[in-house]
N, C-alpha and C. Protein backbone atom coordinates (compact mmCIF):
# COMPACT_ATOMS: atom_id res chain seq x y z
N MET A 1 -30.79 2.17 8.37
CA MET A 1 -30.64 2.91 7.19
C MET A 1 -29.94 1.94 6.10
N CYS A 2 -30.61 1.60 4.93
CA CYS A 2 -29.86 1.06 3.79
C CYS A 2 -29.80 2.00 2.68
N ARG A 3 -28.81 1.37 1.81
CA ARG A 3 -28.77 2.33 0.53
C ARG A 3 -28.16 0.97 -0.56
N VAL A 4 -28.35 1.49 -1.64
CA VAL A 4 -28.17 0.41 -2.80
C VAL A 4 -26.73 1.17 -3.30
N VAL A 5 -25.80 0.11 -3.67
CA VAL A 5 -24.57 0.55 -4.20
C VAL A 5 -24.36 -0.17 -5.57
N PRO A 6 -23.36 0.09 -6.18
CA PRO A 6 -23.13 -0.69 -7.34
C PRO A 6 -23.25 -2.01 -7.22
N LEU A 7 -23.75 -2.91 -8.32
CA LEU A 7 -23.54 -4.10 -8.33
C LEU A 7 -25.17 -4.75 -7.67
N TYR A 8 -25.97 -3.94 -7.38
CA TYR A 8 -27.13 -4.20 -6.84
C TYR A 8 -27.07 -4.69 -5.54
N LEU A 9 -26.11 -4.52 -4.71
CA LEU A 9 -26.09 -4.81 -3.40
C LEU A 9 -26.86 -3.77 -2.54
N THR A 10 -27.47 -4.29 -1.41
CA THR A 10 -27.94 -3.22 -0.49
C THR A 10 -26.99 -3.22 0.88
N VAL A 11 -26.72 -2.10 1.15
CA VAL A 11 -25.92 -2.08 2.32
C VAL A 11 -26.69 -1.49 3.40
N CYS A 12 -26.70 -1.88 4.21
CA CYS A 12 -27.55 -1.30 5.73
C CYS A 12 -26.50 -1.19 6.89
N SER A 13 -26.66 -0.18 7.36
CA SER A 13 -25.98 -0.03 8.80
C SER A 13 -26.97 0.03 9.93
N VAL A 14 -26.30 -0.80 10.85
CA VAL A 14 -27.31 -0.94 12.13
C VAL A 14 -26.45 -0.14 13.24
N LEU A 15 -27.20 0.76 14.13
CA LEU A 15 -26.54 1.48 15.14
C LEU A 15 -26.75 0.45 16.52
N ILE A 16 -25.65 0.12 17.18
CA ILE A 16 -26.32 -0.71 18.29
C ILE A 16 -25.15 0.04 19.27
N SER A 17 -26.14 0.40 20.57
CA SER A 17 -25.24 1.13 21.55
C SER A 17 -24.09 0.13 22.47
N ALA A 18 -23.21 0.85 22.97
CA ALA A 18 -22.62 -0.02 23.91
C ALA A 18 -23.14 -0.88 25.11
N ALA A 19 -24.15 0.02 25.44
CA ALA A 19 -24.84 -0.33 26.73
C ALA A 19 -25.82 -1.76 26.25
N ALA A 20 -26.10 -1.91 25.07
CA ALA A 20 -27.06 -2.99 24.57
C ALA A 20 -26.05 -4.22 24.38
N LEU A 21 -25.03 -4.00 24.06
CA LEU A 21 -24.13 -5.20 23.84
C LEU A 21 -23.19 -5.59 25.21
N GLY A 22 -23.24 -4.57 26.16
CA GLY A 22 -22.60 -4.84 27.41
C GLY A 22 -21.03 -4.56 27.07
N ALA A 23 -20.43 -4.10 28.14
CA ALA A 23 -19.04 -3.46 27.93
C ALA A 23 -17.94 -4.70 27.62
N SER A 24 -18.51 -6.02 28.28
CA SER A 24 -17.46 -6.93 27.88
C SER A 24 -17.48 -7.25 26.43
N GLY A 25 -18.80 -7.13 25.85
CA GLY A 25 -19.03 -7.78 24.63
C GLY A 25 -18.21 -6.72 23.59
N LEU A 26 -17.95 -5.66 23.96
CA LEU A 26 -16.79 -4.88 23.13
C LEU A 26 -15.56 -5.10 23.18
N ASP A 27 -15.09 -5.29 24.55
CA ASP A 27 -13.73 -5.48 24.76
C ASP A 27 -13.15 -6.95 25.10
N ALA A 28 -12.49 -7.29 23.91
CA ALA A 28 -12.20 -8.79 23.77
C ALA A 28 -11.12 -8.94 24.84
N CYS A 29 -10.35 -7.79 25.04
CA CYS A 29 -9.08 -7.99 25.84
C CYS A 29 -9.48 -8.22 27.29
N ALA A 30 -10.72 -7.71 27.61
CA ALA A 30 -11.35 -7.99 29.11
C ALA A 30 -12.00 -9.33 29.52
N ILE A 31 -12.00 -10.25 28.09
CA ILE A 31 -12.71 -11.41 28.44
C ILE A 31 -11.98 -12.49 28.83
N LEU A 32 -10.76 -12.38 28.23
CA LEU A 32 -9.67 -13.51 28.32
C LEU A 32 -8.30 -12.63 28.93
N SER A 33 -7.65 -13.03 29.79
CA SER A 33 -6.27 -12.68 30.40
C SER A 33 -5.40 -13.28 30.13
N ALA A 34 -4.14 -12.41 30.12
CA ALA A 34 -2.72 -13.16 29.89
C ALA A 34 -2.54 -14.28 30.60
N ALA A 35 -2.91 -14.19 32.04
CA ALA A 35 -2.64 -15.24 32.97
C ALA A 35 -3.60 -16.53 32.69
N GLU A 36 -4.79 -16.20 32.16
CA GLU A 36 -5.60 -17.47 31.81
C GLU A 36 -5.08 -18.22 30.68
N ILE A 37 -4.49 -17.41 29.57
CA ILE A 37 -3.94 -18.02 28.41
C ILE A 37 -2.73 -18.75 28.82
N THR A 38 -1.86 -18.32 29.62
CA THR A 38 -0.73 -19.01 29.97
C THR A 38 -1.08 -20.37 30.72
N LYS A 39 -2.01 -20.12 31.70
CA LYS A 39 -2.08 -21.16 32.65
C LYS A 39 -2.92 -22.41 31.68
N VAL A 40 -3.77 -22.24 30.77
CA VAL A 40 -4.29 -23.14 30.18
C VAL A 40 -3.51 -23.84 28.94
N THR A 41 -2.65 -22.86 28.31
CA THR A 41 -2.09 -23.43 27.12
C THR A 41 -0.45 -23.76 27.37
N ASN A 42 0.05 -23.22 28.76
CA ASN A 42 1.52 -23.25 28.89
C ASN A 42 2.35 -22.40 27.88
N ILE A 43 1.64 -21.61 27.44
CA ILE A 43 2.35 -20.48 26.38
C ILE A 43 2.24 -19.14 27.06
N ALA A 44 3.70 -18.46 27.51
CA ALA A 44 3.43 -17.32 28.15
C ALA A 44 3.41 -16.23 26.92
N VAL A 45 2.43 -15.44 27.38
CA VAL A 45 1.98 -14.24 26.53
C VAL A 45 2.05 -12.95 27.11
N GLY A 46 2.29 -11.84 26.56
CA GLY A 46 2.20 -10.44 27.04
C GLY A 46 0.58 -10.16 27.24
N ASN A 47 0.71 -8.98 27.67
CA ASN A 47 -0.71 -8.17 27.43
C ASN A 47 -1.47 -8.22 26.21
N GLY A 48 -2.72 -8.24 26.26
CA GLY A 48 -3.52 -8.30 24.86
C GLY A 48 -3.42 -6.77 24.37
N ALA A 49 -3.46 -6.89 22.93
CA ALA A 49 -3.58 -5.43 22.27
C ALA A 49 -4.97 -5.34 21.43
N ALA A 50 -5.73 -4.64 21.56
CA ALA A 50 -6.93 -4.59 20.77
C ALA A 50 -6.76 -4.30 19.40
N GLY A 51 -7.64 -4.90 18.68
CA GLY A 51 -7.65 -4.85 17.22
C GLY A 51 -8.64 -3.40 16.66
N ALA A 52 -8.46 -3.14 15.40
CA ALA A 52 -9.20 -1.99 15.09
C ALA A 52 -10.58 -2.63 14.68
N ALA A 53 -11.70 -1.81 14.75
CA ALA A 53 -12.92 -2.10 14.60
C ALA A 53 -13.14 -2.49 12.66
N ILE A 54 -13.82 -3.40 12.54
CA ILE A 54 -14.23 -3.69 10.98
C ILE A 54 -15.64 -4.15 11.17
N PRO A 55 -16.46 -3.93 10.13
CA PRO A 55 -17.80 -4.43 10.19
C PRO A 55 -18.00 -6.05 10.29
N GLY A 56 -19.01 -6.43 11.26
CA GLY A 56 -19.02 -7.61 11.95
C GLY A 56 -18.31 -8.06 13.04
N VAL A 57 -17.21 -7.34 13.25
CA VAL A 57 -16.52 -7.68 14.29
C VAL A 57 -16.80 -6.81 15.62
N LEU A 58 -17.03 -7.23 16.67
CA LEU A 58 -17.47 -6.20 17.86
C LEU A 58 -16.28 -6.11 18.78
N GLY A 59 -15.36 -6.79 18.73
CA GLY A 59 -14.29 -6.54 19.44
C GLY A 59 -13.13 -7.76 19.00
N ARG A 60 -11.77 -7.37 19.29
CA ARG A 60 -10.65 -8.39 18.94
C ARG A 60 -9.48 -8.11 19.78
N CYS A 61 -8.75 -8.99 20.16
CA CYS A 61 -7.70 -8.70 21.08
C CYS A 61 -6.64 -9.65 20.58
N THR A 62 -5.25 -9.44 20.64
CA THR A 62 -4.14 -10.26 20.42
C THR A 62 -2.94 -10.20 21.53
N TRP A 63 -2.77 -11.33 21.70
CA TRP A 63 -1.65 -11.64 22.61
C TRP A 63 -0.83 -12.30 22.00
N THR A 64 0.69 -11.84 22.16
CA THR A 64 1.94 -12.44 21.56
C THR A 64 2.70 -13.06 22.59
N GLY A 65 3.12 -14.43 21.99
CA GLY A 65 3.81 -15.10 22.56
C GLY A 65 5.42 -15.36 22.05
N PRO A 66 5.96 -16.29 22.45
CA PRO A 66 7.52 -16.56 22.25
C PRO A 66 7.34 -16.75 20.43
N GLY A 67 8.82 -16.38 19.86
CA GLY A 67 8.49 -16.76 18.37
C GLY A 67 7.17 -16.02 17.50
N ASP A 68 6.72 -17.05 16.88
CA ASP A 68 5.59 -16.26 16.11
C ASP A 68 4.42 -16.71 16.53
N THR A 69 4.12 -17.12 17.67
CA THR A 69 3.03 -17.32 18.69
C THR A 69 1.88 -16.23 18.77
N LYS A 70 0.82 -16.43 18.30
CA LYS A 70 -0.12 -15.22 18.77
C LYS A 70 -1.64 -16.11 18.86
N VAL A 71 -2.08 -15.41 20.18
CA VAL A 71 -3.54 -15.86 20.61
C VAL A 71 -4.38 -14.75 20.22
N VAL A 72 -5.47 -14.97 19.22
CA VAL A 72 -6.25 -13.99 18.83
C VAL A 72 -7.99 -14.61 19.19
N LEU A 73 -8.29 -13.28 19.82
CA LEU A 73 -9.73 -13.64 20.40
C LEU A 73 -10.48 -12.55 19.34
N THR A 74 -11.79 -13.06 18.67
CA THR A 74 -12.40 -11.97 17.83
C THR A 74 -13.96 -12.27 18.25
N LEU A 75 -14.45 -11.15 18.64
CA LEU A 75 -15.96 -11.27 18.97
C LEU A 75 -16.73 -10.73 17.74
N ALA A 76 -17.87 -11.47 17.48
CA ALA A 76 -18.48 -11.34 16.08
C ALA A 76 -19.90 -11.17 16.27
N ASP A 77 -20.57 -10.51 15.31
CA ASP A 77 -22.23 -10.53 15.39
C ASP A 77 -22.47 -11.72 14.88
N ALA A 78 -23.86 -12.05 15.24
CA ALA A 78 -24.33 -13.46 14.62
C ALA A 78 -24.44 -13.89 13.21
N PRO A 79 -24.68 -12.84 12.31
CA PRO A 79 -24.47 -13.17 11.07
C PRO A 79 -23.23 -13.36 10.17
N HIS A 80 -22.35 -12.65 10.68
CA HIS A 80 -20.88 -12.82 10.43
C HIS A 80 -20.19 -14.07 10.97
N MET A 81 -20.54 -14.57 12.13
CA MET A 81 -20.23 -15.77 12.78
C MET A 81 -20.75 -17.11 12.01
N GLN A 82 -22.17 -16.79 11.76
CA GLN A 82 -22.93 -17.81 11.16
C GLN A 82 -22.16 -18.10 9.46
N MET A 83 -21.76 -16.98 8.91
CA MET A 83 -21.29 -17.09 7.66
C MET A 83 -20.07 -17.92 7.69
N THR A 84 -18.87 -17.23 8.68
CA THR A 84 -17.91 -17.88 9.05
C THR A 84 -17.73 -19.43 9.54
N VAL A 85 -18.71 -19.74 9.99
CA VAL A 85 -18.77 -21.26 10.59
C VAL A 85 -19.16 -22.11 9.35
N ALA A 86 -20.20 -21.61 8.46
CA ALA A 86 -20.54 -22.23 7.04
C ALA A 86 -19.55 -22.62 6.12
N VAL A 87 -18.65 -21.31 6.09
CA VAL A 87 -17.65 -21.45 5.12
C VAL A 87 -16.56 -22.55 5.52
N GLN A 88 -16.01 -22.42 7.01
CA GLN A 88 -15.05 -23.18 7.28
C GLN A 88 -15.72 -24.76 7.37
N GLU A 89 -17.14 -24.74 7.61
CA GLU A 89 -17.41 -26.44 7.12
C GLU A 89 -17.15 -27.11 5.78
N ARG A 90 -17.69 -25.74 5.13
CA ARG A 90 -17.34 -26.30 3.45
C ARG A 90 -16.02 -26.42 3.26
N ALA A 91 -14.96 -25.98 4.05
CA ALA A 91 -13.78 -26.14 4.00
C ALA A 91 -13.13 -27.22 4.58
N GLY A 92 -14.09 -27.87 5.20
CA GLY A 92 -13.46 -29.14 5.98
C GLY A 92 -13.28 -29.17 7.42
N ALA A 93 -13.63 -28.15 7.95
CA ALA A 93 -13.47 -27.78 9.59
C ALA A 93 -14.25 -29.08 10.22
N THR A 94 -13.71 -29.28 11.43
CA THR A 94 -14.13 -30.23 12.41
C THR A 94 -14.97 -29.92 13.23
N VAL A 95 -16.39 -30.56 13.32
CA VAL A 95 -17.38 -30.12 14.35
C VAL A 95 -16.84 -30.22 15.72
N VAL A 96 -17.05 -29.32 16.51
CA VAL A 96 -16.43 -29.20 17.89
C VAL A 96 -17.79 -29.11 18.87
N MET A 97 -17.46 -30.33 19.65
CA MET A 97 -18.79 -30.34 20.68
C MET A 97 -18.42 -29.60 22.23
N GLY A 98 -19.64 -29.40 22.76
CA GLY A 98 -19.12 -28.87 24.24
C GLY A 98 -18.90 -27.50 24.33
N VAL A 99 -19.06 -26.52 23.19
CA VAL A 99 -19.00 -25.07 23.22
C VAL A 99 -19.88 -24.64 22.16
N GLY A 100 -20.37 -23.67 22.81
CA GLY A 100 -21.33 -22.72 21.87
C GLY A 100 -22.61 -23.56 21.61
N SER A 101 -23.62 -23.11 20.71
CA SER A 101 -24.75 -23.83 20.01
C SER A 101 -24.16 -24.56 18.98
N ARG A 102 -22.94 -23.96 18.27
CA ARG A 102 -22.44 -24.56 17.22
C ARG A 102 -21.00 -24.08 16.99
N ALA A 103 -20.01 -25.05 16.97
CA ALA A 103 -18.74 -24.91 16.69
C ALA A 103 -18.01 -25.59 15.85
N VAL A 104 -16.75 -25.27 15.21
CA VAL A 104 -16.01 -25.94 14.30
C VAL A 104 -14.46 -25.54 14.54
N GLY A 105 -13.72 -26.36 14.12
CA GLY A 105 -12.33 -26.02 14.26
C GLY A 105 -11.13 -26.52 13.28
N MET A 106 -10.44 -25.77 12.82
CA MET A 106 -9.62 -26.31 11.66
C MET A 106 -8.19 -25.57 11.53
N LYS A 107 -7.33 -26.19 11.15
CA LYS A 107 -6.03 -25.49 10.93
C LYS A 107 -6.07 -24.20 10.44
N ALA A 108 -5.16 -23.54 10.97
CA ALA A 108 -4.98 -22.05 10.43
C ALA A 108 -4.09 -22.21 9.30
N ALA A 109 -4.26 -21.22 8.35
CA ALA A 109 -3.70 -21.00 6.87
C ALA A 109 -1.95 -20.86 7.13
N ALA A 110 -1.25 -21.49 6.37
CA ALA A 110 0.08 -21.38 6.60
C ALA A 110 0.66 -20.04 6.49
N PHE A 111 0.08 -19.10 5.93
CA PHE A 111 0.41 -17.65 5.85
C PHE A 111 0.39 -16.97 7.32
N THR A 112 -0.26 -17.61 8.28
CA THR A 112 -0.42 -16.94 9.60
C THR A 112 0.44 -17.68 10.41
N GLY A 113 1.27 -18.69 9.94
CA GLY A 113 2.32 -19.42 10.71
C GLY A 113 1.56 -20.77 10.93
N GLY A 114 0.70 -21.02 10.62
CA GLY A 114 0.07 -22.26 10.82
C GLY A 114 -0.67 -22.00 12.42
N GLY A 115 -1.19 -23.23 12.96
CA GLY A 115 -1.70 -23.18 14.26
C GLY A 115 -3.16 -23.86 14.26
N TYR A 116 -4.12 -23.24 15.06
CA TYR A 116 -5.44 -23.71 14.90
C TYR A 116 -6.55 -22.88 15.40
N ILE A 117 -7.76 -22.95 14.57
CA ILE A 117 -8.78 -21.64 15.04
C ILE A 117 -10.04 -22.42 15.42
N VAL A 118 -10.77 -22.32 16.42
CA VAL A 118 -11.92 -22.43 16.96
C VAL A 118 -12.94 -21.25 16.80
N SER A 119 -14.14 -21.54 16.08
CA SER A 119 -15.37 -20.67 15.52
C SER A 119 -16.47 -21.13 16.15
N VAL A 120 -17.10 -20.08 16.97
CA VAL A 120 -18.27 -20.86 17.89
C VAL A 120 -19.43 -19.65 17.74
N LEU A 121 -20.50 -20.18 17.65
CA LEU A 121 -21.89 -19.73 17.77
C LEU A 121 -22.34 -19.85 18.89
N ASP A 122 -22.89 -18.52 19.63
CA ASP A 122 -23.55 -18.62 20.72
C ASP A 122 -24.66 -17.68 20.91
N SER A 123 -25.17 -17.43 22.23
CA SER A 123 -26.12 -16.52 22.42
C SER A 123 -25.96 -15.10 22.12
N LYS A 124 -24.85 -14.60 22.24
CA LYS A 124 -24.08 -13.45 21.97
C LYS A 124 -23.64 -13.09 20.47
N GLY A 125 -24.01 -13.75 19.63
CA GLY A 125 -23.42 -13.93 18.36
C GLY A 125 -22.29 -15.08 18.04
N GLY A 126 -21.48 -14.53 18.35
CA GLY A 126 -20.08 -15.60 18.42
C GLY A 126 -18.76 -15.12 18.61
N PHE A 127 -17.92 -16.23 18.47
CA PHE A 127 -16.67 -15.82 18.84
C PHE A 127 -15.52 -16.65 18.05
N GLY A 128 -14.35 -16.40 17.60
CA GLY A 128 -13.39 -17.11 17.36
C GLY A 128 -12.12 -16.88 18.19
N VAL A 129 -11.58 -18.04 18.54
CA VAL A 129 -10.04 -18.15 19.28
C VAL A 129 -9.26 -18.63 18.15
N SER A 130 -8.01 -18.17 17.90
CA SER A 130 -7.03 -18.69 17.23
C SER A 130 -5.83 -18.75 18.08
N VAL A 131 -5.00 -19.81 17.89
CA VAL A 131 -3.75 -19.92 18.38
C VAL A 131 -2.72 -20.15 17.39
N LEU A 132 -2.12 -19.25 16.81
CA LEU A 132 -1.38 -19.15 15.72
C LEU A 132 0.28 -19.34 15.99
N GLY A 133 0.70 -19.98 15.04
CA GLY A 133 1.83 -20.18 14.88
C GLY A 133 2.19 -21.63 15.43
N PRO A 134 3.55 -22.26 15.66
CA PRO A 134 3.86 -23.80 15.89
C PRO A 134 3.37 -24.16 17.13
N GLU A 135 2.59 -23.31 18.21
CA GLU A 135 2.30 -23.96 19.38
C GLU A 135 0.54 -24.00 19.23
N GLY A 136 -0.05 -23.63 18.04
CA GLY A 136 -1.35 -23.64 17.92
C GLY A 136 -1.83 -25.25 17.79
N THR A 137 -2.51 -25.68 18.75
CA THR A 137 -3.03 -26.94 18.68
C THR A 137 -4.70 -26.86 18.91
N PRO A 138 -5.29 -27.95 18.56
CA PRO A 138 -6.63 -28.01 18.71
C PRO A 138 -6.76 -28.30 20.14
N GLU A 139 -6.26 -28.68 20.90
CA GLU A 139 -6.42 -28.78 22.32
C GLU A 139 -6.50 -27.42 22.96
N ARG A 140 -5.20 -26.59 22.45
CA ARG A 140 -5.07 -25.25 23.12
C ARG A 140 -6.33 -24.48 22.74
N ALA A 141 -6.64 -24.35 21.45
CA ALA A 141 -7.64 -23.54 20.96
C ALA A 141 -9.04 -23.82 21.53
N LEU A 142 -9.44 -25.13 21.90
CA LEU A 142 -10.84 -25.52 22.48
C LEU A 142 -10.57 -25.16 23.87
N ALA A 143 -9.44 -25.10 24.65
CA ALA A 143 -9.38 -25.12 25.86
C ALA A 143 -9.66 -23.48 26.14
N LEU A 144 -9.11 -22.55 25.39
CA LEU A 144 -9.41 -21.11 25.44
C LEU A 144 -10.73 -20.67 25.02
N ALA A 145 -11.15 -21.51 24.00
CA ALA A 145 -12.80 -21.23 23.41
C ALA A 145 -13.71 -21.53 25.00
N ARG A 146 -13.41 -22.68 25.53
CA ARG A 146 -14.23 -22.99 26.68
C ARG A 146 -14.10 -21.79 27.93
N ILE A 147 -13.02 -21.32 27.93
CA ILE A 147 -12.95 -20.28 29.02
C ILE A 147 -13.68 -18.99 28.47
N VAL A 148 -13.48 -18.56 27.20
CA VAL A 148 -14.06 -17.57 26.38
C VAL A 148 -15.59 -17.71 26.76
N GLU A 149 -16.31 -18.69 26.69
CA GLU A 149 -17.66 -19.08 26.69
C GLU A 149 -18.20 -18.80 28.21
N SER A 150 -17.18 -19.45 29.35
CA SER A 150 -17.63 -18.97 30.57
C SER A 150 -17.59 -17.75 31.11
N HIS A 151 -16.91 -16.76 30.49
CA HIS A 151 -17.03 -15.25 30.65
C HIS A 151 -17.77 -14.48 29.91
N ARG A 152 -18.63 -15.16 29.03
CA ARG A 152 -19.50 -14.43 28.22
C ARG A 152 -21.05 -14.32 28.69
């Protein structure tokens, strides 16, 4: 269903059933465990907390670690992840090989506490893995992205 809104934009809503996406496609907290995060990054995190739904985001989970460290997994639909990757590439992101069909990595913004983000396009749309705070490194974010990819 589409409708025209001011500024001549057309807004369309798409209804997708949970069954069509698969249960794990909606529950980001079920894709990556605190134990996996700790094992791969050597950062002790608590249990994940699901984030609120927003357009384009199919699921989000945040794990909190010591200090200001956060690990965030965001599952997105293909159009939103394509746009995210394209914008990050224009902003100077580095191409990441060996994960998804197309992936980029970049430093996280200072207002998030710094860290590193890997954004991945894959056959289910895509996902982003952020390791925010002083513990966020390219190696940690990429290692988590590979685990996420293996579970999707």
